[in-house]
Amino acid sequence: MDLDELKNNWKNYDTMLEEHLILDQNALRKRNLDKSQDALFKPYAHEISNVIVVLLTTVFVLNSSLNHLDELHFSVPGLIGVFLGSLHIYFSIIKAWKISRLDFELPIINIQKKISHLTILIFRLQKFEVLILPFFIISVLPITFWVIQNRDLYTHWGFFVFSATFIIGFSLLGMRWIHKHLYDQKIKQVQSLLAEIIELENPNGIG
């Protein structure tokens, strides 16, 4: 084997390795982007289900409040609850819309920026949701118990306080669990998957 033939063989081998590397990069990029989309589907699905549940509750409270409009001690708190529930629905719609608008065809660095902006937005809205929740529960409980059980919570303060405390506490624990497992962990997973793509495509940190 002469020198030229050896050079050609080496060049062909080098080209083949480069092609395999590109294929591996493309395969990992597709796999990680698919996993990222799958990871964000759970927060998206949660927000959609949240919209449905709170919407049904809000419609029920609105209808009940309008039917007992002359009983102001029931209808006024109920209408306040409707307003707070509408805010909660609005926040969930914003989060779901932002998640659904993520474009995974963009360059990885742009996706990372959008994920960072999404994370900040979600955490801000969740703070508002935590603040709203106790007032929402307290507002809708009287009209709800009056319509469903014909029980006046204003004459049963002990039961009112117990029910409100239990529901608020349970809801806050649920929100904390959801925040940790459906948002914090999933977003960190997506960030890790995107960082893995960056590391493979730029092993020396160039570009």
N, C-alpha and C. Protein backbone atom coordinates (compact mmCIF):
# COMPACT_ATOMS: atom_id res chain seq x y z
N MET A 1 0.85 -1.19 0.00
CA MET A 1 0.00 0.00 0.00
C MET A 1 0.89 1.25 0.00
N ASP A 2 0.73 2.06 -1.06
CA ASP A 2 1.58 3.25 -1.14
C ASP A 2 1.03 4.37 -0.26
N LEU A 3 1.76 5.47 -0.19
CA LEU A 3 1.42 6.57 0.71
C LEU A 3 0.10 7.23 0.33
N ASP A 4 -0.12 7.42 -1.01
CA ASP A 4 -1.35 8.07 -1.46
C ASP A 4 -2.58 7.24 -1.09
N GLU A 5 -2.45 5.94 -1.27
CA GLU A 5 -3.57 5.06 -0.94
C GLU A 5 -3.86 5.08 0.56
N LEU A 6 -2.78 5.12 1.35
CA LEU A 6 -2.94 5.19 2.80
C LEU A 6 -3.64 6.49 3.20
N LYS A 7 -3.24 7.60 2.55
CA LYS A 7 -3.87 8.89 2.84
C LYS A 7 -5.35 8.88 2.48
N ASN A 8 -5.67 8.27 1.32
CA ASN A 8 -7.06 8.19 0.89
C ASN A 8 -7.90 7.36 1.86
N ASN A 9 -7.32 6.24 2.28
CA ASN A 9 -8.04 5.38 3.23
C ASN A 9 -8.29 6.11 4.56
N TRP A 10 -7.26 6.82 4.99
CA TRP A 10 -7.40 7.57 6.24
C TRP A 10 -8.43 8.69 6.11
N LYS A 11 -8.42 9.34 4.94
CA LYS A 11 -9.39 10.40 4.69
C LYS A 11 -10.81 9.85 4.67
N ASN A 12 -10.99 8.70 4.02
CA ASN A 12 -12.30 8.07 3.97
C ASN A 12 -12.77 7.66 5.37
N TYR A 13 -11.83 7.14 6.15
CA TYR A 13 -12.16 6.72 7.51
C TYR A 13 -12.55 7.93 8.36
N ASP A 14 -11.80 9.02 8.18
CA ASP A 14 -12.09 10.25 8.92
C ASP A 14 -13.46 10.80 8.54
N THR A 15 -13.77 10.74 7.24
CA THR A 15 -15.08 11.20 6.76
C THR A 15 -16.20 10.35 7.34
N MET A 16 -15.97 9.05 7.39
CA MET A 16 -16.97 8.14 7.92
C MET A 16 -17.23 8.42 9.41
N LEU A 17 -16.14 8.65 10.16
CA LEU A 17 -16.29 8.97 11.58
C LEU A 17 -17.07 10.26 11.78
N GLU A 18 -16.77 11.24 10.93
CA GLU A 18 -17.46 12.53 11.03
C GLU A 18 -18.95 12.37 10.74
N GLU A 19 -19.27 11.55 9.73
CA GLU A 19 -20.67 11.32 9.39
C GLU A 19 -21.40 10.61 10.53
N HIS A 20 -20.71 9.63 11.15
CA HIS A 20 -21.32 8.92 12.27
C HIS A 20 -21.54 9.86 13.45
N LEU A 21 -20.58 10.77 13.67
CA LEU A 21 -20.71 11.73 14.76
C LEU A 21 -21.90 12.65 14.53
N ILE A 22 -22.07 13.09 13.30
CA ILE A 22 -23.21 13.96 12.96
C ILE A 22 -24.52 13.21 13.17
N LEU A 23 -24.55 11.93 12.74
CA LEU A 23 -25.75 11.12 12.92
C LEU A 23 -26.06 10.95 14.41
N ASP A 24 -25.01 10.70 15.21
CA ASP A 24 -25.21 10.55 16.65
C ASP A 24 -25.72 11.84 17.27
N GLN A 25 -25.18 12.97 16.83
CA GLN A 25 -25.62 14.27 17.34
C GLN A 25 -27.08 14.52 16.99
N ASN A 26 -27.44 14.22 15.75
CA ASN A 26 -28.82 14.43 15.31
C ASN A 26 -29.79 13.52 16.07
N ALA A 27 -29.35 12.26 16.28
CA ALA A 27 -30.20 11.31 17.00
C ALA A 27 -30.40 11.76 18.44
N LEU A 28 -29.32 12.21 19.10
CA LEU A 28 -29.44 12.66 20.48
C LEU A 28 -30.27 13.93 20.57
N ARG A 29 -30.08 14.83 19.61
CA ARG A 29 -30.86 16.07 19.60
C ARG A 29 -32.35 15.76 19.50
N LYS A 30 -32.72 14.88 18.56
CA LYS A 30 -34.13 14.53 18.38
C LYS A 30 -34.68 13.84 19.63
N ARG A 31 -33.89 12.90 20.18
CA ARG A 31 -34.34 12.17 21.36
C ARG A 31 -34.56 13.11 22.54
N ASN A 32 -33.61 14.00 22.77
CA ASN A 32 -33.72 14.91 23.92
C ASN A 32 -34.82 15.94 23.74
N LEU A 33 -35.01 16.41 22.50
CA LEU A 33 -36.09 17.36 22.26
C LEU A 33 -37.45 16.69 22.42
N ASP A 34 -37.55 15.43 21.98
CA ASP A 34 -38.80 14.68 22.17
C ASP A 34 -39.08 14.48 23.66
N LYS A 35 -38.03 14.13 24.41
CA LYS A 35 -38.18 13.95 25.86
C LYS A 35 -38.56 15.27 26.54
N SER A 36 -38.02 16.36 26.04
CA SER A 36 -38.34 17.68 26.61
C SER A 36 -39.81 18.01 26.40
N GLN A 37 -40.30 17.75 25.20
CA GLN A 37 -41.71 17.99 24.92
C GLN A 37 -42.61 17.11 25.78
N ASP A 38 -42.22 15.84 25.94
CA ASP A 38 -42.99 14.92 26.77
C ASP A 38 -43.00 15.38 28.23
N ALA A 39 -41.84 15.86 28.71
CA ALA A 39 -41.74 16.32 30.09
C ALA A 39 -42.66 17.51 30.36
N LEU A 40 -42.79 18.40 29.38
CA LEU A 40 -43.61 19.60 29.57
C LEU A 40 -45.09 19.34 29.31
N PHE A 41 -45.41 18.16 28.79
CA PHE A 41 -46.83 17.86 28.54
C PHE A 41 -47.60 17.72 29.86
N LYS A 42 -46.95 17.17 30.89
CA LYS A 42 -47.64 16.98 32.17
C LYS A 42 -48.04 18.31 32.81
N PRO A 43 -47.14 19.30 32.89
CA PRO A 43 -47.58 20.61 33.39
C PRO A 43 -48.69 21.22 32.53
N TYR A 44 -48.59 21.03 31.21
CA TYR A 44 -49.62 21.55 30.31
C TYR A 44 -50.96 20.89 30.59
N ALA A 45 -50.96 19.55 30.71
CA ALA A 45 -52.20 18.82 30.98
C ALA A 45 -52.78 19.21 32.33
N HIS A 46 -51.92 19.45 33.30
CA HIS A 46 -52.40 19.87 34.62
C HIS A 46 -53.10 21.21 34.53
N GLU A 47 -52.53 22.15 33.79
CA GLU A 47 -53.16 23.47 33.67
C GLU A 47 -54.51 23.39 32.97
N ILE A 48 -54.61 22.54 31.96
CA ILE A 48 -55.89 22.38 31.26
C ILE A 48 -56.93 21.79 32.19
N SER A 49 -56.56 20.74 32.94
CA SER A 49 -57.50 20.13 33.88
C SER A 49 -57.86 21.12 34.99
N ASN A 50 -56.90 21.94 35.38
CA ASN A 50 -57.14 22.95 36.40
C ASN A 50 -58.16 23.98 35.92
N VAL A 51 -58.04 24.38 34.67
CA VAL A 51 -59.00 25.31 34.08
C VAL A 51 -60.40 24.72 34.12
N ILE A 52 -60.52 23.44 33.76
CA ILE A 52 -61.83 22.79 33.71
C ILE A 52 -62.46 22.72 35.10
N VAL A 53 -61.67 22.27 36.09
CA VAL A 53 -62.19 22.11 37.46
C VAL A 53 -62.61 23.46 38.05
N VAL A 54 -61.74 24.45 37.94
CA VAL A 54 -62.05 25.76 38.53
C VAL A 54 -63.18 26.44 37.76
N LEU A 55 -63.24 26.22 36.45
CA LEU A 55 -64.33 26.80 35.66
C LEU A 55 -65.68 26.23 36.08
N LEU A 56 -65.74 24.91 36.25
CA LEU A 56 -67.00 24.29 36.69
C LEU A 56 -67.40 24.80 38.07
N THR A 57 -66.42 24.91 38.97
CA THR A 57 -66.70 25.43 40.31
C THR A 57 -67.19 26.88 40.25
N THR A 58 -66.53 27.68 39.43
CA THR A 58 -66.89 29.09 39.31
C THR A 58 -68.28 29.27 38.71
N VAL A 59 -68.60 28.47 37.71
CA VAL A 59 -69.93 28.55 37.09
C VAL A 59 -71.00 28.16 38.10
N PHE A 60 -70.74 27.11 38.88
CA PHE A 60 -71.69 26.68 39.91
C PHE A 60 -71.91 27.79 40.94
N VAL A 61 -70.82 28.39 41.41
CA VAL A 61 -70.92 29.45 42.42
C VAL A 61 -71.62 30.68 41.84
N LEU A 62 -71.31 31.02 40.59
CA LEU A 62 -71.96 32.17 39.95
C LEU A 62 -73.46 31.95 39.84
N ASN A 63 -73.86 30.78 39.37
CA ASN A 63 -75.28 30.46 39.23
C ASN A 63 -75.98 30.48 40.59
N SER A 64 -75.33 29.90 41.58
CA SER A 64 -75.91 29.86 42.93
C SER A 64 -76.03 31.27 43.51
N SER A 65 -75.02 32.09 43.30
CA SER A 65 -75.04 33.46 43.82
C SER A 65 -76.14 34.28 43.17
N LEU A 66 -76.32 34.11 41.88
CA LEU A 66 -77.38 34.85 41.18
C LEU A 66 -78.76 34.39 41.62
N ASN A 67 -78.90 33.10 41.92
CA ASN A 67 -80.19 32.57 42.39
C ASN A 67 -80.52 33.02 43.81
N HIS A 68 -79.50 33.42 44.57
CA HIS A 68 -79.71 33.89 45.95
C HIS A 68 -79.20 35.33 46.09
N LEU A 69 -79.47 36.11 45.06
CA LEU A 69 -78.93 37.47 45.01
C LEU A 69 -79.45 38.34 46.15
N ASP A 70 -80.67 38.06 46.60
CA ASP A 70 -81.24 38.88 47.68
C ASP A 70 -80.65 38.53 49.04
N GLU A 71 -80.00 37.37 49.14
CA GLU A 71 -79.34 36.98 50.39
C GLU A 71 -77.87 37.40 50.29
N LEU A 72 -77.62 38.64 50.62
CA LEU A 72 -76.31 39.25 50.36
C LEU A 72 -75.16 38.56 51.09
N HIS A 73 -75.43 38.00 52.26
CA HIS A 73 -74.35 37.35 53.02
C HIS A 73 -73.87 36.08 52.32
N PHE A 74 -74.67 35.56 51.38
CA PHE A 74 -74.24 34.43 50.56
C PHE A 74 -73.77 34.87 49.17
N SER A 75 -74.56 35.75 48.55
CA SER A 75 -74.28 36.10 47.15
C SER A 75 -73.04 36.97 46.98
N VAL A 76 -72.83 37.93 47.89
CA VAL A 76 -71.67 38.83 47.74
C VAL A 76 -70.35 38.07 47.86
N PRO A 77 -70.15 37.27 48.93
CA PRO A 77 -68.91 36.47 48.97
C PRO A 77 -68.80 35.52 47.78
N GLY A 78 -69.94 34.98 47.35
CA GLY A 78 -69.92 34.08 46.20
C GLY A 78 -69.43 34.78 44.94
N LEU A 79 -69.90 36.01 44.71
CA LEU A 79 -69.46 36.76 43.54
C LEU A 79 -67.99 37.16 43.65
N ILE A 80 -67.54 37.43 44.87
CA ILE A 80 -66.11 37.69 45.06
C ILE A 80 -65.31 36.44 44.71
N GLY A 81 -65.82 35.28 45.13
CA GLY A 81 -65.18 34.02 44.78
C GLY A 81 -65.14 33.78 43.28
N VAL A 82 -66.21 34.18 42.60
CA VAL A 82 -66.25 34.06 41.13
C VAL A 82 -65.13 34.88 40.50
N PHE A 83 -64.94 36.09 41.01
CA PHE A 83 -63.87 36.95 40.49
C PHE A 83 -62.50 36.32 40.73
N LEU A 84 -62.28 35.82 41.94
CA LEU A 84 -60.99 35.20 42.26
C LEU A 84 -60.78 33.92 41.45
N GLY A 85 -61.85 33.15 41.28
CA GLY A 85 -61.75 31.94 40.46
C GLY A 85 -61.43 32.27 39.01
N SER A 86 -62.00 33.37 38.52
CA SER A 86 -61.71 33.79 37.15
C SER A 86 -60.25 34.18 36.99
N LEU A 87 -59.68 34.82 38.02
CA LEU A 87 -58.25 35.14 37.98
C LEU A 87 -57.42 33.87 37.92
N HIS A 88 -57.80 32.89 38.72
CA HIS A 88 -57.07 31.61 38.74
C HIS A 88 -57.13 30.94 37.36
N ILE A 89 -58.30 30.97 36.75
CA ILE A 89 -58.46 30.40 35.41
C ILE A 89 -57.58 31.14 34.41
N TYR A 90 -57.56 32.45 34.52
CA TYR A 90 -56.74 33.27 33.62
C TYR A 90 -55.27 32.92 33.75
N PHE A 91 -54.79 32.76 34.98
CA PHE A 91 -53.39 32.40 35.20
C PHE A 91 -53.07 31.04 34.59
N SER A 92 -53.98 30.08 34.76
CA SER A 92 -53.75 28.73 34.22
C SER A 92 -53.73 28.75 32.69
N ILE A 93 -54.60 29.55 32.10
CA ILE A 93 -54.63 29.66 30.64
C ILE A 93 -53.33 30.26 30.12
N ILE A 94 -52.82 31.27 30.81
CA ILE A 94 -51.54 31.88 30.41
C ILE A 94 -50.43 30.84 30.44
N LYS A 95 -50.35 30.09 31.54
CA LYS A 95 -49.29 29.08 31.66
C LYS A 95 -49.41 28.01 30.59
N ALA A 96 -50.63 27.51 30.38
CA ALA A 96 -50.83 26.48 29.36
C ALA A 96 -50.49 27.00 27.97
N TRP A 97 -50.88 28.24 27.68
CA TRP A 97 -50.61 28.83 26.38
C TRP A 97 -49.11 29.00 26.16
N LYS A 98 -48.41 29.48 27.18
CA LYS A 98 -46.96 29.67 27.06
C LYS A 98 -46.24 28.34 26.85
N ILE A 99 -46.67 27.31 27.55
CA ILE A 99 -46.06 25.99 27.37
C ILE A 99 -46.30 25.47 25.96
N SER A 100 -47.54 25.62 25.48
CA SER A 100 -47.89 25.11 24.15
C SER A 100 -47.19 25.88 23.03
N ARG A 101 -46.76 27.12 23.31
CA ARG A 101 -46.14 27.94 22.28
C ARG A 101 -44.63 27.74 22.17
N LEU A 102 -44.06 26.89 23.01
CA LEU A 102 -42.63 26.62 22.92
C LEU A 102 -42.31 25.94 21.59
N ASP A 103 -41.35 26.51 20.87
CA ASP A 103 -40.97 25.98 19.55
C ASP A 103 -39.64 25.25 19.69
N PHE A 104 -39.69 23.92 19.60
CA PHE A 104 -38.48 23.11 19.75
C PHE A 104 -37.71 22.96 18.44
N GLU A 105 -38.12 23.71 17.42
CA GLU A 105 -37.36 23.75 16.17
C GLU A 105 -36.32 24.88 16.19
N LEU A 106 -36.40 25.72 17.20
CA LEU A 106 -35.45 26.84 17.31
C LEU A 106 -34.07 26.33 17.71
N PRO A 107 -33.04 27.16 17.53
CA PRO A 107 -31.71 26.80 18.06
C PRO A 107 -31.79 26.55 19.56
N ILE A 108 -30.95 25.64 20.05
CA ILE A 108 -31.03 25.21 21.44
C ILE A 108 -30.89 26.39 22.41
N ILE A 109 -29.99 27.32 22.11
CA ILE A 109 -29.78 28.45 23.01
C ILE A 109 -31.05 29.28 23.14
N ASN A 110 -31.81 29.40 22.04
CA ASN A 110 -33.07 30.14 22.08
C ASN A 110 -34.13 29.39 22.89
N ILE A 111 -34.14 28.07 22.76
CA ILE A 111 -35.08 27.26 23.54
C ILE A 111 -34.78 27.43 25.03
N GLN A 112 -33.48 27.41 25.37
CA GLN A 112 -33.09 27.57 26.77
C GLN A 112 -33.56 28.92 27.33
N LYS A 113 -33.45 29.97 26.52
CA LYS A 113 -33.90 31.29 26.96
C LYS A 113 -35.41 31.30 27.20
N LYS A 114 -36.15 30.68 26.28
CA LYS A 114 -37.60 30.64 26.42
C LYS A 114 -38.02 29.82 27.64
N ILE A 115 -37.29 28.73 27.91
CA ILE A 115 -37.58 27.92 29.09
C ILE A 115 -37.33 28.75 30.36
N SER A 116 -36.26 29.53 30.36
CA SER A 116 -35.96 30.39 31.51
C SER A 116 -37.06 31.43 31.73
N HIS A 117 -37.51 32.05 30.65
CA HIS A 117 -38.60 33.03 30.76
C HIS A 117 -39.89 32.37 31.24
N LEU A 118 -40.15 31.16 30.71
CA LEU A 118 -41.34 30.42 31.12
C LEU A 118 -41.29 30.09 32.61
N THR A 119 -40.12 29.67 33.08
CA THR A 119 -39.95 29.33 34.49
C THR A 119 -40.24 30.52 35.40
N ILE A 120 -39.72 31.68 35.03
CA ILE A 120 -39.95 32.90 35.82
C ILE A 120 -41.43 33.24 35.85
N LEU A 121 -42.08 33.15 34.68
CA LEU A 121 -43.51 33.47 34.59
C LEU A 121 -44.34 32.52 35.46
N ILE A 122 -44.05 31.22 35.36
CA ILE A 122 -44.80 30.22 36.13
C ILE A 122 -44.66 30.47 37.62
N PHE A 123 -43.45 30.71 38.09
CA PHE A 123 -43.23 30.93 39.52
C PHE A 123 -43.95 32.20 40.00
N ARG A 124 -43.97 33.23 39.18
CA ARG A 124 -44.66 34.47 39.56
C ARG A 124 -46.17 34.23 39.68
N LEU A 125 -46.73 33.55 38.68
CA LEU A 125 -48.17 33.29 38.70
C LEU A 125 -48.55 32.36 39.84
N GLN A 126 -47.69 31.40 40.14
CA GLN A 126 -47.98 30.48 41.25
C GLN A 126 -48.01 31.21 42.58
N LYS A 127 -47.19 32.23 42.73
CA LYS A 127 -47.23 33.04 43.96
C LYS A 127 -48.59 33.73 44.11
N PHE A 128 -49.11 34.27 43.01
CA PHE A 128 -50.42 34.89 43.04
C PHE A 128 -51.50 33.86 43.35
N GLU A 129 -51.38 32.67 42.78
CA GLU A 129 -52.36 31.61 43.03
C GLU A 129 -52.40 31.21 44.50
N VAL A 130 -51.22 31.13 45.11
CA VAL A 130 -51.14 30.79 46.54
C VAL A 130 -51.81 31.88 47.38
N LEU A 131 -51.61 33.14 47.01
CA LEU A 131 -52.22 34.25 47.74
C LEU A 131 -53.74 34.27 47.57
N ILE A 132 -54.20 33.94 46.38
CA ILE A 132 -55.63 33.99 46.07
C ILE A 132 -56.40 32.84 46.72
N LEU A 133 -55.77 31.67 46.78
CA LEU A 133 -56.46 30.44 47.18
C LEU A 133 -57.25 30.56 48.49
N PRO A 134 -56.66 31.02 49.61
CA PRO A 134 -57.44 31.09 50.85
C PRO A 134 -58.69 31.96 50.74
N PHE A 135 -58.57 33.09 50.08
CA PHE A 135 -59.71 33.99 49.92
C PHE A 135 -60.78 33.37 49.02
N PHE A 136 -60.34 32.62 48.00
CA PHE A 136 -61.28 31.94 47.12
C PHE A 136 -62.08 30.90 47.90
N ILE A 137 -61.38 30.07 48.68
CA ILE A 137 -62.05 29.02 49.45
C ILE A 137 -63.05 29.63 50.44
N ILE A 138 -62.60 30.63 51.19
CA ILE A 138 -63.46 31.25 52.20
C ILE A 138 -64.69 31.91 51.55
N SER A 139 -64.52 32.45 50.35
CA SER A 139 -65.62 33.15 49.67
C SER A 139 -66.68 32.20 49.15
N VAL A 140 -66.26 31.04 48.65
CA VAL A 140 -67.23 30.15 47.99
C VAL A 140 -67.86 29.14 48.94
N LEU A 141 -67.26 28.92 50.10
CA LEU A 141 -67.80 27.90 51.02
C LEU A 141 -69.23 28.20 51.49
N PRO A 142 -69.55 29.43 51.95
CA PRO A 142 -70.90 29.66 52.46
C PRO A 142 -72.00 29.37 51.44
N ILE A 143 -71.87 29.89 50.23
CA ILE A 143 -72.91 29.66 49.22
C ILE A 143 -72.95 28.20 48.79
N THR A 144 -71.80 27.55 48.77
CA THR A 144 -71.75 26.14 48.37
C THR A 144 -72.49 25.26 49.38
N PHE A 145 -72.21 25.43 50.67
CA PHE A 145 -72.87 24.63 51.69
C PHE A 145 -74.36 24.97 51.79
N TRP A 146 -74.69 26.24 51.55
CA TRP A 146 -76.09 26.65 51.62
C TRP A 146 -76.91 25.98 50.51
N VAL A 147 -76.34 25.92 49.32
CA VAL A 147 -77.06 25.34 48.18
C VAL A 147 -77.09 23.81 48.25
N ILE A 148 -75.96 23.20 48.59
CA ILE A 148 -75.87 21.74 48.56
C ILE A 148 -76.48 21.09 49.80
N GLN A 149 -76.20 21.63 50.99
CA GLN A 149 -76.65 21.01 52.24
C GLN A 149 -77.68 21.84 53.01
N ASN A 150 -78.00 23.01 52.47
CA ASN A 150 -78.90 23.93 53.18
C ASN A 150 -78.37 24.24 54.58
N ARG A 151 -77.06 24.34 54.69
CA ARG A 151 -76.41 24.62 55.96
C ARG A 151 -75.85 26.04 55.94
N ASP A 152 -76.22 26.81 56.94
CA ASP A 152 -75.73 28.19 57.05
C ASP A 152 -74.43 28.18 57.86
N LEU A 153 -73.31 28.35 57.18
CA LEU A 153 -72.03 28.31 57.86
C LEU A 153 -71.84 29.48 58.82
N TYR A 154 -72.60 30.55 58.61
CA TYR A 154 -72.47 31.71 59.50
C TYR A 154 -73.04 31.43 60.89
N THR A 155 -73.86 30.40 60.98
CA THR A 155 -74.38 29.99 62.30
C THR A 155 -73.64 28.78 62.84
N HIS A 156 -72.67 28.31 62.08
CA HIS A 156 -71.84 27.17 62.50
C HIS A 156 -70.37 27.56 62.31
N TRP A 157 -69.92 28.55 63.08
CA TRP A 157 -68.58 29.10 62.87
C TRP A 157 -67.48 28.07 63.08
N GLY A 158 -67.68 27.19 64.05
CA GLY A 158 -66.67 26.16 64.30
C GLY A 158 -66.48 25.27 63.08
N PHE A 159 -67.60 24.85 62.50
CA PHE A 159 -67.53 24.01 61.31
C PHE A 159 -66.97 24.79 60.13
N PHE A 160 -67.34 26.06 60.02
CA PHE A 160 -66.84 26.93 58.95
C PHE A 160 -65.32 27.03 59.02
N VAL A 161 -64.82 27.33 60.22
CA VAL A 161 -63.37 27.49 60.39
C VAL A 161 -62.65 26.17 60.12
N PHE A 162 -63.21 25.07 60.63
CA PHE A 162 -62.59 23.76 60.42
C PHE A 162 -62.56 23.41 58.93
N SER A 163 -63.69 23.58 58.24
CA SER A 163 -63.77 23.25 56.81
C SER A 163 -62.81 24.09 55.99
N ALA A 164 -62.82 25.40 56.26
CA ALA A 164 -61.94 26.30 55.50
C ALA A 164 -60.48 25.97 55.75
N THR A 165 -60.13 25.73 57.01
CA THR A 165 -58.73 25.42 57.35
C THR A 165 -58.29 24.12 56.70
N PHE A 166 -59.15 23.11 56.77
CA PHE A 166 -58.80 21.81 56.19
C PHE A 166 -58.63 21.90 54.68
N ILE A 167 -59.59 22.53 54.00
CA ILE A 167 -59.54 22.62 52.54
C ILE A 167 -58.35 23.47 52.08
N ILE A 168 -58.13 24.59 52.76
CA ILE A 168 -57.00 25.46 52.39
C ILE A 168 -55.68 24.74 52.61
N GLY A 169 -55.54 24.09 53.77
CA GLY A 169 -54.30 23.37 54.07
C GLY A 169 -54.04 22.25 53.08
N PHE A 170 -55.07 21.46 52.80
CA PHE A 170 -54.93 20.36 51.84
C PHE A 170 -54.59 20.89 50.45
N SER A 171 -55.24 21.98 50.05
CA SER A 171 -54.99 22.56 48.72
C SER A 171 -53.58 23.11 48.61
N LEU A 172 -53.11 23.76 49.66
CA LEU A 172 -51.75 24.31 49.63
C LEU A 172 -50.70 23.20 49.57
N LEU A 173 -50.94 22.11 50.30
CA LEU A 173 -50.03 20.96 50.22
C LEU A 173 -50.03 20.37 48.81
N GLY A 174 -51.23 20.29 48.22
CA GLY A 174 -51.33 19.78 46.85
C GLY A 174 -50.61 20.68 45.86
N MET A 175 -50.75 21.98 46.03
CA MET A 175 -50.07 22.92 45.14
C MET A 175 -48.55 22.82 45.29
N ARG A 176 -48.10 22.62 46.53
CA ARG A 176 -46.66 22.48 46.77
C ARG A 176 -46.13 21.22 46.09
N TRP A 177 -46.88 20.12 46.21
CA TRP A 177 -46.46 18.86 45.59
C TRP A 177 -46.41 19.02 44.07
N ILE A 178 -47.45 19.62 43.51
CA ILE A 178 -47.52 19.82 42.06
C ILE A 178 -46.38 20.72 41.59
N HIS A 179 -46.11 21.78 42.34
CA HIS A 179 -45.02 22.68 41.98
C HIS A 179 -43.69 21.94 41.93
N LYS A 180 -43.47 21.05 42.90
CA LYS A 180 -42.20 20.33 42.96
C LYS A 180 -42.09 19.28 41.87
N HIS A 181 -43.14 18.47 41.69
CA HIS A 181 -43.05 17.30 40.81
C HIS A 181 -43.47 17.58 39.36
N LEU A 182 -44.37 18.53 39.16
CA LEU A 182 -44.84 18.80 37.79
C LEU A 182 -44.17 20.01 37.16
N TYR A 183 -43.54 20.83 37.96
CA TYR A 183 -42.91 22.02 37.40
C TYR A 183 -41.41 22.04 37.66
N ASP A 184 -41.02 22.08 38.92
CA ASP A 184 -39.60 22.20 39.25
C ASP A 184 -38.80 21.04 38.65
N GLN A 185 -39.23 19.80 38.91
CA GLN A 185 -38.49 18.64 38.42
C GLN A 185 -38.52 18.55 36.89
N LYS A 186 -39.69 18.79 36.30
CA LYS A 186 -39.81 18.67 34.85
C LYS A 186 -39.01 19.74 34.13
N ILE A 187 -39.03 20.96 34.65
CA ILE A 187 -38.26 22.03 34.01
C ILE A 187 -36.77 21.77 34.14
N LYS A 188 -36.34 21.29 35.31
CA LYS A 188 -34.93 20.93 35.47
C LYS A 188 -34.53 19.80 34.53
N GLN A 189 -35.45 18.85 34.32
CA GLN A 189 -35.18 17.76 33.39
C GLN A 189 -34.99 18.29 31.97
N VAL A 190 -35.85 19.21 31.56
CA VAL A 190 -35.73 19.81 30.23
C VAL A 190 -34.43 20.59 30.10
N GLN A 191 -34.08 21.36 31.11
CA GLN A 191 -32.83 22.12 31.08
C GLN A 191 -31.63 21.19 30.97
N SER A 192 -31.67 20.06 31.66
CA SER A 192 -30.58 19.09 31.60
C SER A 192 -30.48 18.46 30.22
N LEU A 193 -31.63 18.14 29.62
CA LEU A 193 -31.63 17.54 28.28
C LEU A 193 -31.08 18.52 27.24
N LEU A 194 -31.45 19.78 27.35
CA LEU A 194 -30.94 20.79 26.42
C LEU A 194 -29.45 21.02 26.62
N ALA A 195 -29.00 21.02 27.87
CA ALA A 195 -27.57 21.19 28.16
C ALA A 195 -26.76 20.03 27.59
N GLU A 196 -27.34 18.84 27.59
CA GLU A 196 -26.65 17.67 27.03
C GLU A 196 -26.44 17.83 25.53
N ILE A 197 -27.43 18.40 24.86
CA ILE A 197 -27.29 18.66 23.42
C ILE A 197 -26.18 19.67 23.17
N ILE A 198 -26.19 20.75 23.94
CA ILE A 198 -25.15 21.78 23.81
C ILE A 198 -23.77 21.19 24.03
N GLU A 199 -23.64 20.35 25.04
CA GLU A 199 -22.34 19.76 25.37
C GLU A 199 -21.83 18.86 24.25
N LEU A 200 -22.73 18.09 23.62
CA LEU A 200 -22.31 17.20 22.54
C LEU A 200 -21.95 17.99 21.28
N GLU A 201 -22.76 19.02 20.98
CA GLU A 201 -22.50 19.79 19.77
C GLU A 201 -21.31 20.73 19.92
N ASN A 202 -21.02 21.12 21.17
CA ASN A 202 -19.88 22.01 21.43
C ASN A 202 -19.05 21.44 22.57
N PRO A 203 -18.35 20.35 22.34
CA PRO A 203 -17.62 19.68 23.42
C PRO A 203 -16.55 20.55 24.07
N ASN A 204 -16.06 21.55 23.34
CA ASN A 204 -15.02 22.43 23.88
C ASN A 204 -15.59 23.76 24.38
N GLY A 205 -16.95 23.85 24.33
CA GLY A 205 -17.58 25.09 24.77
C GLY A 205 -17.41 26.21 23.80
N ILE A 206 -17.13 25.89 22.53
CA ILE A 206 -16.92 26.92 21.51
C ILE A 206 -18.25 27.23 20.86
N GLY A 207 -18.57 28.52 20.67
CA GLY A 207 -19.79 28.92 19.99
C GLY A 207 -20.97 28.87 20.90
